[in-house]
Amino acid sequence: MAAPKLVINSEPKLKLGAKGPNTENLQTFLTMFGYMPSPKAPKAKAKKKPAPKSSVAFKNMVDPFVATDKPPEFGTFDEATQTALKSFQAFHGLPPTGVLDIGTEAELNRPRCGCPDSPGGGSRVAAFALGPRWSKRNLRYRISRTSQGGLSAAVVEAAVKDALGIWSDSTTLTFTRVGPSAAADLDIRFEVGRHGDGDAFDGPFRVLAHAFFPEDGRVHFDDAEAWAMDFPPTNLSTIDLITVAAHEFGHALGLDHSSDRGALMFPTYSGPQRFLGQDDINGIRALYP
């Protein structure tokens, strides 16, 4: 399911007691990205909402974090929704007011990774959270479906190599490329829309990519994005493939999202970052000492 675009319209702020489509969109977003269970639809509407996203990296964690045990009422900005929004704000470094103001709306609408956040899940050592890990240190990878967009296969291969190198430079992990049909630990694919894993991509500039925890190894990129390799970027509407690939490989190696805005594993994309923050280094070395 595509992440909804949140529009406040004539409402300067969206807060406790509000009703309507903006609240519904907010609840859908908070459900998709791990902040609360599915809202309860009013019986009169008989409207079903999807369960929290579970097929990507979050699925192998213990229990997804939920802000409240009580599902919110669909379409009503109730206390459960407020608590979940506060959790989102705190995780993203915003004042936890529980009010959907302009600054929070901007953060909700940033392009981001499709994997849910885990503000209370996993094995948290610092700002990062740990999932499972690989039982080996030399991982094979393949690009089984390259981009059909504006990047050539050679450019994609170079980006993937550079992104994996960001992790190998700070660890004892090594990565060996194999052919597109050979057995591999990491399987890299560019996809559009529904692509068979239950987490459809949504077109340009929203959810950029997602990945699965060890030892699954699938890493998927939305081929509808305007991927680029130029650094510094010459076009601000493009997405740096090396940055996003390195982030997704972090998930594939066992790291969840970090609440440290300076970390590569922070969930939203704000431009190229082709290096690990200290929080990323601490996390990956905790997984692979």
C-alpha atoms as a PDB file:
ATOM      1  CA  MET A   1       0.000   0.000   0.000  1.00  0.00           C
ATOM      2  CA  ALA A   2       1.300   3.452  -0.902  1.00  0.00           C
ATOM      3  CA  ALA A   3       2.095   5.894   1.887  1.00  0.00           C
ATOM      4  CA  PRO A   4      -0.571   8.617   1.869  1.00  0.00           C
ATOM      5  CA  LYS A   5       0.307  12.233   1.248  1.00  0.00           C
ATOM      6  CA  LEU A   6      -0.703  14.233   4.281  1.00  0.00           C
ATOM      7  CA  VAL A   7      -2.324  17.575   3.543  1.00  0.00           C
ATOM      8  CA  ILE A   8      -3.517  19.860   6.286  1.00  0.00           C
ATOM      9  CA  ASN A   9      -5.332  22.150   3.806  1.00  0.00           C
ATOM     10  CA  SER A  10      -7.207  24.901   5.651  1.00  0.00           C
ATOM     11  CA  GLU A  11      -6.427  23.412   9.065  1.00  0.00           C
ATOM     12  CA  PRO A  12      -3.359  25.138  10.551  1.00  0.00           C
ATOM     13  CA  LYS A  13      -2.922  22.175  12.891  1.00  0.00           C
ATOM     14  CA  LEU A  14      -4.428  18.728  13.222  1.00  0.00           C
ATOM     15  CA  LYS A  15      -4.931  17.693  16.828  1.00  0.00           C
ATOM     16  CA  LEU A  16      -6.960  15.727  19.350  1.00  0.00           C
ATOM     17  CA  GLY A  17     -10.639  15.611  18.418  1.00  0.00           C
ATOM     18  CA  ALA A  18     -10.194  16.270  14.687  1.00  0.00           C
ATOM     19  CA  LYS A  19     -12.082  14.097  12.209  1.00  0.00           C
ATOM     20  CA  GLY A  20     -11.944  13.568   8.476  1.00  0.00           C
ATOM     21  CA  PRO A  21      -9.668  12.454   5.631  1.00  0.00           C
ATOM     22  CA  ASN A  22      -6.535  14.149   6.983  1.00  0.00           C
ATOM     23  CA  THR A  23      -6.867  12.156  10.202  1.00  0.00           C
ATOM     24  CA  GLU A  24      -7.483   8.974   8.186  1.00  0.00           C
ATOM     25  CA  ASN A  25      -4.300   9.617   6.173  1.00  0.00           C
ATOM     26  CA  LEU A  26      -2.313  10.235   9.331  1.00  0.00           C
ATOM     27  CA  GLN A  27      -3.568   7.012  10.904  1.00  0.00           C
ATOM     28  CA  THR A  28      -2.739   5.042   7.753  1.00  0.00           C
ATOM     29  CA  PHE A  29       0.800   6.428   7.775  1.00  0.00           C
ATOM     30  CA  LEU A  30       1.366   5.727  11.480  1.00  0.00           C
ATOM     31  CA  THR A  31       0.053   2.184  10.979  1.00  0.00           C
ATOM     32  CA  MET A  32       2.268   1.526   7.953  1.00  0.00           C
ATOM     33  CA  PHE A  33       5.441   2.635   9.683  1.00  0.00           C
ATOM     34  CA  GLY A  34       5.083   0.833  12.992  1.00  0.00           C
ATOM     35  CA  TYR A  35       3.712   3.429  15.390  1.00  0.00           C
ATOM     36  CA  MET A  36       0.312   1.908  16.123  1.00  0.00           C
ATOM     37  CA  PRO A  37      -1.944  -1.048  15.315  1.00  0.00           C
ATOM     38  CA  SER A  38      -4.550  -0.800  12.572  1.00  0.00           C
ATOM     39  CA  PRO A  39      -7.320   1.674  13.335  1.00  0.00           C
ATOM     40  CA  LYS A  40     -10.768   0.298  14.101  1.00  0.00           C
ATOM     41  CA  ALA A  41     -13.232   1.247  11.423  1.00  0.00           C
ATOM     42  CA  PRO A  42     -16.653   2.398  12.638  1.00  0.00           C
ATOM     43  CA  LYS A  43     -19.235  -0.352  12.149  1.00  0.00           C
ATOM     44  CA  ALA A  44     -21.428   1.898  10.040  1.00  0.00           C
ATOM     45  CA  LYS A  45     -18.663   2.271   7.470  1.00  0.00           C
ATOM     46  CA  ALA A  46     -17.530  -1.364   7.608  1.00  0.00           C
ATOM     47  CA  LYS A  47     -14.227  -0.116   6.334  1.00  0.00           C
ATOM     48  CA  LYS A  48     -11.139  -2.291   6.724  1.00  0.00           C
ATOM     49  CA  LYS A  49      -7.669  -0.898   7.122  1.00  0.00           C
ATOM     50  CA  PRO A  50      -4.484  -2.829   6.314  1.00  0.00           C
ATOM     51  CA  ALA A  51      -2.358  -4.368   9.035  1.00  0.00           C
ATOM     52  CA  PRO A  52       1.018  -2.760   9.744  1.00  0.00           C
ATOM     53  CA  LYS A  53       3.619  -3.425   7.096  1.00  0.00           C
ATOM     54  CA  SER A  54       5.249  -6.734   7.944  1.00  0.00           C
ATOM     55  CA  SER A  55       6.909  -8.241   4.906  1.00  0.00           C
ATOM     56  CA  VAL A  56      10.037  -6.117   4.896  1.00  0.00           C
ATOM     57  CA  ALA A  57      12.723  -5.742   7.539  1.00  0.00           C
ATOM     58  CA  PHE A  58      10.352  -5.491  10.476  1.00  0.00           C
ATOM     59  CA  LYS A  59       8.831  -8.943   9.971  1.00  0.00           C
ATOM     60  CA  ASN A  60      11.675 -10.812  11.647  1.00  0.00           C
ATOM     61  CA  MET A  61      11.742  -8.661  14.769  1.00  0.00           C
ATOM     62  CA  VAL A  62      10.113  -9.785  17.992  1.00  0.00           C
ATOM     63  CA  ASP A  63       6.820  -7.841  18.282  1.00  0.00           C
ATOM     64  CA  PRO A  64       6.453  -4.527  16.406  1.00  0.00           C
ATOM     65  CA  PHE A  65       6.328  -1.526  18.692  1.00  0.00           C
ATOM     66  CA  VAL A  66       2.859  -0.098  19.135  1.00  0.00           C
ATOM     67  CA  ALA A  67       2.196   3.196  20.838  1.00  0.00           C
ATOM     68  CA  THR A  68      -0.913   1.849  22.491  1.00  0.00           C
ATOM     69  CA  ASP A  69      -2.623  -1.507  22.950  1.00  0.00           C
ATOM     70  CA  LYS A  70      -5.914   0.094  21.955  1.00  0.00           C
ATOM     71  CA  PRO A  71      -6.373   0.581  18.203  1.00  0.00           C
ATOM     72  CA  PRO A  72      -7.552   4.086  17.332  1.00  0.00           C
ATOM     73  CA  GLU A  73     -10.939   4.783  15.847  1.00  0.00           C
ATOM     74  CA  PHE A  74     -10.556   5.243  12.112  1.00  0.00           C
ATOM     75  CA  GLY A  75     -11.076   8.849  11.072  1.00  0.00           C
ATOM     76  CA  THR A  76     -10.995  10.264  14.612  1.00  0.00           C
ATOM     77  CA  PHE A  77      -7.897  11.907  16.090  1.00  0.00           C
ATOM     78  CA  ASP A  78      -8.225  10.127  19.423  1.00  0.00           C
ATOM     79  CA  GLU A  79      -5.768   9.565  22.270  1.00  0.00           C
ATOM     80  CA  ALA A  80      -4.273   6.478  20.620  1.00  0.00           C
ATOM     81  CA  THR A  81      -3.517   8.503  17.483  1.00  0.00           C
ATOM     82  CA  GLN A  82      -2.072  11.317  19.572  1.00  0.00           C
ATOM     83  CA  THR A  83       0.221   8.922  21.449  1.00  0.00           C
ATOM     84  CA  ALA A  84       1.418   7.369  18.176  1.00  0.00           C
ATOM     85  CA  LEU A  85       2.092  10.798  16.671  1.00  0.00           C
ATOM     86  CA  LYS A  86       4.097  11.801  19.754  1.00  0.00           C
ATOM     87  CA  SER A  87       6.186   8.661  19.310  1.00  0.00           C
ATOM     88  CA  PHE A  88       6.806   9.533  15.644  1.00  0.00           C
ATOM     89  CA  GLN A  89       7.788  13.076  16.571  1.00  0.00           C
ATOM     90  CA  ALA A  90      10.176  11.933  19.285  1.00  0.00           C
ATOM     91  CA  PHE A  91      11.815   9.339  17.028  1.00  0.00           C
ATOM     92  CA  HIS A  92      12.327  11.940  14.287  1.00  0.00           C
ATOM     93  CA  GLY A  93      13.759  14.586  16.607  1.00  0.00           C
ATOM     94  CA  LEU A  94      10.676  16.817  16.687  1.00  0.00           C
ATOM     95  CA  PRO A  95       8.949  18.258  19.772  1.00  0.00           C
ATOM     96  CA  PRO A  96       6.535  15.485  20.892  1.00  0.00           C
ATOM     97  CA  THR A  97       3.439  17.702  20.984  1.00  0.00           C
ATOM     98  CA  GLY A  98       0.967  15.188  19.594  1.00  0.00           C
ATOM     99  CA  VAL A  99      -0.192  17.881  17.164  1.00  0.00           C
ATOM    100  CA  LEU A 100       0.230  17.548  13.407  1.00  0.00           C
ATOM    101  CA  ASP A 101       1.749  20.937  12.707  1.00  0.00           C
ATOM    102  CA  ILE A 102       3.516  22.142   9.582  1.00  0.00           C
ATOM    103  CA  GLY A 103       6.948  20.891  10.691  1.00  0.00           C
ATOM    104  CA  THR A 104       5.634  17.414  11.499  1.00  0.00           C
ATOM    105  CA  GLU A 105       3.720  17.274   8.230  1.00  0.00           C
ATOM    106  CA  ALA A 106       6.907  18.104   6.338  1.00  0.00           C
ATOM    107  CA  GLU A 107       8.720  15.236   8.067  1.00  0.00           C
ATOM    108  CA  LEU A 108       5.852  12.828   7.342  1.00  0.00           C
ATOM    109  CA  ASN A 109       6.024  13.736   3.660  1.00  0.00           C
ATOM    110  CA  ARG A 110       9.777  13.328   3.194  1.00  0.00           C
ATOM    111  CA  PRO A 111      10.897  10.557   0.836  1.00  0.00           C
ATOM    112  CA  ARG A 112      11.879   7.606   2.979  1.00  0.00           C
ATOM    113  CA  CYS A 113      12.669   3.940   3.352  1.00  0.00           C
ATOM    114  CA  GLY A 114       9.642   1.646   3.217  1.00  0.00           C
ATOM    115  CA  CYS A 115      10.702  -0.339   6.279  1.00  0.00           C
ATOM    116  CA  PRO A 116       8.828   0.615   9.465  1.00  0.00           C
ATOM    117  CA  ASP A 117      10.576   2.442  12.276  1.00  0.00           C
ATOM    118  CA  SER A 118      11.025   0.679  15.605  1.00  0.00           C
ATOM    119  CA  PRO A 119      11.003   3.298  18.356  1.00  0.00           C
ATOM    120  CA  GLY A 120      10.691   0.624  21.029  1.00  0.00           C
ATOM    121  CA  GLY A 121      11.539  -2.620  19.274  1.00  0.00           C
ATOM    122  CA  GLY A 122      14.591  -4.707  18.580  1.00  0.00           C
ATOM    123  CA  SER A 123      17.670  -4.776  20.778  1.00  0.00           C
ATOM    124  CA  ARG A 124      18.438  -1.100  21.252  1.00  0.00           C
ATOM    125  CA  VAL A 125      22.016  -0.297  22.219  1.00  0.00           C
ATOM    126  CA  ALA A 126      22.094   3.399  21.350  1.00  0.00           C
ATOM    127  CA  ALA A 127      19.976   5.280  18.820  1.00  0.00           C
ATOM    128  CA  PHE A 128      20.214   2.257  16.532  1.00  0.00           C
ATOM    129  CA  ALA A 129      18.269  -0.984  16.932  1.00  0.00           C
ATOM    130  CA  LEU A 130      19.550  -4.454  16.133  1.00  0.00           C
ATOM    131  CA  GLY A 131      17.802  -7.248  14.317  1.00  0.00           C
ATOM    132  CA  PRO A 132      19.161 -10.694  13.427  1.00  0.00           C
ATOM    133  CA  ARG A 133      22.580 -11.097  11.850  1.00  0.00           C
ATOM    134  CA  TRP A 134      24.268 -13.203   9.188  1.00  0.00           C
ATOM    135  CA  SER A 135      26.109 -16.287  10.371  1.00  0.00           C
ATOM    136  CA  LYS A 136      28.968 -15.576   7.944  1.00  0.00           C
ATOM    137  CA  ARG A 137      31.140 -12.612   7.097  1.00  0.00           C
ATOM    138  CA  ASN A 138      31.656 -13.066   3.347  1.00  0.00           C
ATOM    139  CA  LEU A 139      28.363 -12.412   1.597  1.00  0.00           C
ATOM    140  CA  ARG A 140      27.607 -12.990  -2.061  1.00  0.00           C
ATOM    141  CA  TYR A 141      25.369 -10.538  -3.873  1.00  0.00           C
ATOM    142  CA  ARG A 142      23.657 -10.430  -7.239  1.00  0.00           C
ATOM    143  CA  ILE A 143      21.675  -7.846  -9.184  1.00  0.00           C
ATOM    144  CA  SER A 144      18.928 -10.051 -10.555  1.00  0.00           C
ATOM    145  CA  ARG A 145      16.909  -7.179 -12.044  1.00  0.00           C
ATOM    146  CA  THR A 146      18.672  -3.959 -12.925  1.00  0.00           C
ATOM    147  CA  SER A 147      17.041  -0.582 -13.486  1.00  0.00           C
ATOM    148  CA  GLN A 148      14.886  -0.170 -16.564  1.00  0.00           C
ATOM    149  CA  GLY A 149      15.000   3.607 -16.135  1.00  0.00           C
ATOM    150  CA  GLY A 150      17.765   6.083 -16.792  1.00  0.00           C
ATOM    151  CA  LEU A 151      20.725   4.243 -15.231  1.00  0.00           C
ATOM    152  CA  SER A 152      22.720   1.703 -17.172  1.00  0.00           C
ATOM    153  CA  ALA A 153      23.542  -1.710 -15.738  1.00  0.00           C
ATOM    154  CA  ALA A 154      27.179  -0.647 -15.352  1.00  0.00           C
ATOM    155  CA  VAL A 155      26.201   2.444 -13.350  1.00  0.00           C
ATOM    156  CA  VAL A 156      23.917   0.393 -11.076  1.00  0.00           C
ATOM    157  CA  GLU A 157      26.677  -2.167 -10.529  1.00  0.00           C
ATOM    158  CA  ALA A 158      29.111   0.599  -9.578  1.00  0.00           C
ATOM    159  CA  ALA A 159      26.597   2.160  -7.168  1.00  0.00           C
ATOM    160  CA  VAL A 160      25.919  -1.168  -5.455  1.00  0.00           C
ATOM    161  CA  LYS A 161      29.648  -1.870  -5.104  1.00  0.00           C
ATOM    162  CA  ASP A 162      30.264   1.571  -3.598  1.00  0.00           C
ATOM    163  CA  ALA A 163      27.297   1.253  -1.216  1.00  0.00           C
ATOM    164  CA  LEU A 164      28.458  -2.126   0.070  1.00  0.00           C
ATOM    165  CA  GLY A 165      31.950  -0.694   0.448  1.00  0.00           C
ATOM    166  CA  ILE A 166      30.597   1.863   2.909  1.00  0.00           C
ATOM    167  CA  TRP A 167      29.817  -1.053   5.260  1.00  0.00           C
ATOM    168  CA  SER A 168      32.863  -3.224   4.520  1.00  0.00           C
ATOM    169  CA  ASP A 169      35.197  -0.288   5.218  1.00  0.00           C
ATOM    170  CA  SER A 170      34.030  -0.242   8.855  1.00  0.00           C
ATOM    171  CA  THR A 171      33.626  -3.984   9.468  1.00  0.00           C
ATOM    172  CA  THR A 172      35.133  -7.383   8.809  1.00  0.00           C
ATOM    173  CA  LEU A 173      32.358  -8.053   6.280  1.00  0.00           C
ATOM    174  CA  THR A 174      33.266  -8.697   2.644  1.00  0.00           C
ATOM    175  CA  PHE A 175      31.003  -8.791  -0.396  1.00  0.00           C
ATOM    176  CA  THR A 176      31.500 -10.814  -3.564  1.00  0.00           C
ATOM    177  CA  ARG A 177      29.446 -10.195  -6.692  1.00  0.00           C
ATOM    178  CA  VAL A 178      28.042 -13.200  -8.551  1.00  0.00           C
ATOM    179  CA  GLY A 179      26.010 -13.487 -11.732  1.00  0.00           C
ATOM    180  CA  PRO A 180      22.299 -12.583 -11.877  1.00  0.00           C
ATOM    181  CA  SER A 181      21.199 -16.230 -11.769  1.00  0.00           C
ATOM    182  CA  ALA A 182      23.822 -17.552  -9.325  1.00  0.00           C
ATOM    183  CA  ALA A 183      23.101 -18.432  -5.698  1.00  0.00           C
ATOM    184  CA  ALA A 184      23.531 -15.338  -3.539  1.00  0.00           C
ATOM    185  CA  ASP A 185      22.921 -14.041  -0.034  1.00  0.00           C
ATOM    186  CA  LEU A 186      21.780 -10.581  -1.137  1.00  0.00           C
ATOM    187  CA  ASP A 187      19.360 -10.365  -4.057  1.00  0.00           C
ATOM    188  CA  ILE A 188      19.051  -6.833  -5.471  1.00  0.00           C
ATOM    189  CA  ARG A 189      16.140  -5.916  -7.717  1.00  0.00           C
ATOM    190  CA  PHE A 190      14.598  -2.773  -9.208  1.00  0.00           C
ATOM    191  CA  GLU A 191      10.810  -3.064  -9.191  1.00  0.00           C
ATOM    192  CA  VAL A 192       7.712  -0.945  -9.747  1.00  0.00           C
ATOM    193  CA  GLY A 193       4.282  -1.086  -8.109  1.00  0.00           C
ATOM    194  CA  ARG A 194       3.242  -4.499  -6.853  1.00  0.00           C
ATOM    195  CA  HIS A 195       6.160  -6.890  -7.168  1.00  0.00           C
ATOM    196  CA  GLY A 196       5.215  -9.999  -5.212  1.00  0.00           C
ATOM    197  CA  ASP A 197       6.339  -9.282  -1.651  1.00  0.00           C
ATOM    198  CA  GLY A 198       3.176  -7.623  -0.333  1.00  0.00           C
ATOM    199  CA  ASP A 199       4.713  -4.141  -0.193  1.00  0.00           C
ATOM    200  CA  ALA A 200       3.909  -2.318  -3.404  1.00  0.00           C
ATOM    201  CA  PHE A 201       5.993   0.673  -4.415  1.00  0.00           C
ATOM    202  CA  ASP A 202       4.147   3.940  -4.842  1.00  0.00           C
ATOM    203  CA  GLY A 203       5.829   5.847  -7.654  1.00  0.00           C
ATOM    204  CA  PRO A 204       8.246   8.768  -7.528  1.00  0.00           C
ATOM    205  CA  PHE A 205       9.523  10.466  -4.391  1.00  0.00           C
ATOM    206  CA  ARG A 206       7.708   8.714  -1.567  1.00  0.00           C
ATOM    207  CA  VAL A 207       8.822   5.234  -0.489  1.00  0.00           C
ATOM    208  CA  LEU A 208      12.190   4.777  -2.184  1.00  0.00           C
ATOM    209  CA  ALA A 209      13.175   1.205  -1.331  1.00  0.00           C
ATOM    210  CA  HIS A 210      12.894  -1.534   1.268  1.00  0.00           C
ATOM    211  CA  ALA A 211      14.868  -4.552   2.432  1.00  0.00           C
ATOM    212  CA  PHE A 212      14.561  -7.733   4.473  1.00  0.00           C
ATOM    213  CA  PHE A 213      16.526  -8.702   7.583  1.00  0.00           C
ATOM    214  CA  PRO A 214      19.028 -11.593   7.613  1.00  0.00           C
ATOM    215  CA  GLU A 215      19.039 -14.212   6.461  1.00  0.00           C
ATOM    216  CA  ASP A 216      16.485 -13.296   3.817  1.00  0.00           C
ATOM    217  CA  GLY A 217      18.619 -10.966   1.738  1.00  0.00           C
ATOM    218  CA  ARG A 218      16.093  -9.320  -0.587  1.00  0.00           C
ATOM    219  CA  VAL A 219      16.746  -5.643  -1.354  1.00  0.00           C
ATOM    220  CA  HIS A 220      14.253  -3.812  -3.577  1.00  0.00           C
ATOM    221  CA  PHE A 221      14.421  -0.336  -5.144  1.00  0.00           C
ATOM    222  CA  ASP A 222      11.511   1.569  -6.665  1.00  0.00           C
ATOM    223  CA  ASP A 223      12.407   1.874 -10.346  1.00  0.00           C
ATOM    224  CA  ALA A 224       9.961   4.781 -10.712  1.00  0.00           C
ATOM    225  CA  GLU A 225      12.388   7.038  -8.821  1.00  0.00           C
ATOM    226  CA  ALA A 226      14.706   9.446 -10.612  1.00  0.00           C
ATOM    227  CA  TRP A 227      17.875   7.667  -9.496  1.00  0.00           C
ATOM    228  CA  ALA A 228      21.169   9.443 -10.007  1.00  0.00           C
ATOM    229  CA  MET A 229      24.874   9.049  -9.261  1.00  0.00           C
ATOM    230  CA  ASP A 230      26.144  12.619  -9.680  1.00  0.00           C
ATOM    231  CA  PHE A 231      27.755  14.023  -6.545  1.00  0.00           C
ATOM    232  CA  PRO A 232      27.153  16.698  -5.528  1.00  0.00           C
ATOM    233  CA  PRO A 233      23.715  16.448  -7.155  1.00  0.00           C
ATOM    234  CA  THR A 234      23.036  18.679 -10.161  1.00  0.00           C
ATOM    235  CA  ASN A 235      19.277  18.128  -9.885  1.00  0.00           C
ATOM    236  CA  LEU A 236      17.595  18.279  -6.475  1.00  0.00           C
ATOM    237  CA  SER A 237      14.651  16.183  -7.712  1.00  0.00           C
ATOM    238  CA  THR A 238      16.876  13.129  -8.175  1.00  0.00           C
ATOM    239  CA  ILE A 239      17.645  10.495  -5.525  1.00  0.00           C
ATOM    240  CA  ASP A 240      21.211   9.383  -4.845  1.00  0.00           C
ATOM    241  CA  LEU A 241      21.326   5.641  -5.446  1.00  0.00           C
ATOM    242  CA  ILE A 242      24.479   5.058  -3.393  1.00  0.00           C
ATOM    243  CA  THR A 243      22.947   6.690  -0.306  1.00  0.00           C
ATOM    244  CA  VAL A 244      19.681   4.752  -0.498  1.00  0.00           C
ATOM    245  CA  ALA A 245      21.420   1.488  -1.388  1.00  0.00           C
ATOM    246  CA  ALA A 246      23.789   1.802   1.575  1.00  0.00           C
ATOM    247  CA  HIS A 247      20.806   2.457   3.873  1.00  0.00           C
ATOM    248  CA  GLU A 248      18.949  -0.619   2.596  1.00  0.00           C
ATOM    249  CA  PHE A 249      22.058  -2.777   2.890  1.00  0.00           C
ATOM    250  CA  GLY A 250      22.153  -1.723   6.528  1.00  0.00           C
ATOM    251  CA  HIS A 251      18.748  -3.396   6.949  1.00  0.00           C
ATOM    252  CA  ALA A 252      19.895  -6.442   4.977  1.00  0.00           C
ATOM    253  CA  LEU A 253      22.834  -6.743   7.392  1.00  0.00           C
ATOM    254  CA  GLY A 254      20.580  -6.546  10.457  1.00  0.00           C
ATOM    255  CA  LEU A 255      20.250  -2.891  11.450  1.00  0.00           C
ATOM    256  CA  ASP A 256      16.879  -1.245  11.980  1.00  0.00           C
ATOM    257  CA  HIS A 257      16.196   2.473  11.696  1.00  0.00           C
ATOM    258  CA  SER A 258      18.110   4.873  13.904  1.00  0.00           C
ATOM    259  CA  SER A 259      16.622   7.912  15.650  1.00  0.00           C
ATOM    260  CA  ASP A 260      19.936   9.726  15.180  1.00  0.00           C
ATOM    261  CA  ARG A 261      19.371  12.231  12.379  1.00  0.00           C
ATOM    262  CA  GLY A 262      23.057  12.103  11.508  1.00  0.00           C
ATOM    263  CA  ALA A 263      22.963   8.347  10.932  1.00  0.00           C
ATOM    264  CA  LEU A 264      22.745   6.747   7.521  1.00  0.00           C
ATOM    265  CA  MET A 265      20.059   4.511   9.052  1.00  0.00           C
ATOM    266  CA  PHE A 266      17.754   7.453   9.835  1.00  0.00           C
ATOM    267  CA  PRO A 267      14.484   6.609   8.017  1.00  0.00           C
ATOM    268  CA  THR A 268      14.011   9.676   5.790  1.00  0.00           C
ATOM    269  CA  TYR A 269      16.077  10.900   2.842  1.00  0.00           C
ATOM    270  CA  SER A 270      17.426  14.465   2.912  1.00  0.00           C
ATOM    271  CA  GLY A 271      20.044  14.238   0.184  1.00  0.00           C
ATOM    272  CA  PRO A 272      23.252  12.285  -0.461  1.00  0.00           C
ATOM    273  CA  GLN A 273      25.075  10.804   2.550  1.00  0.00           C
ATOM    274  CA  ARG A 274      27.768   8.432   1.412  1.00  0.00           C
ATOM    275  CA  PHE A 275      29.267   7.712   4.813  1.00  0.00           C
ATOM    276  CA  LEU A 276      28.354   6.098   8.113  1.00  0.00           C
ATOM    277  CA  GLY A 277      27.573   8.170  11.168  1.00  0.00           C
ATOM    278  CA  GLN A 278      29.082   7.098  14.457  1.00  0.00           C
ATOM    279  CA  ASP A 279      25.749   5.563  15.440  1.00  0.00           C
ATOM    280  CA  ASP A 280      25.821   3.400  12.290  1.00  0.00           C
ATOM    281  CA  ILE A 281      29.369   2.277  13.085  1.00  0.00           C
ATOM    282  CA  ASN A 282      28.435   1.443  16.663  1.00  0.00           C
ATOM    283  CA  GLY A 283      25.431  -0.553  15.440  1.00  0.00           C
ATOM    284  CA  ILE A 284      27.147  -2.591  12.745  1.00  0.00           C
ATOM    285  CA  ARG A 285      30.095  -3.382  15.024  1.00  0.00           C
ATOM    286  CA  ALA A 286      27.702  -4.505  17.748  1.00  0.00           C
ATOM    287  CA  LEU A 287      26.232  -6.974  15.226  1.00  0.00           C
ATOM    288  CA  TYR A 288      29.587  -8.060  13.767  1.00  0.00           C
ATOM    289  CA  PRO A 289      32.257  -7.519  16.452  1.00  0.00           C
END
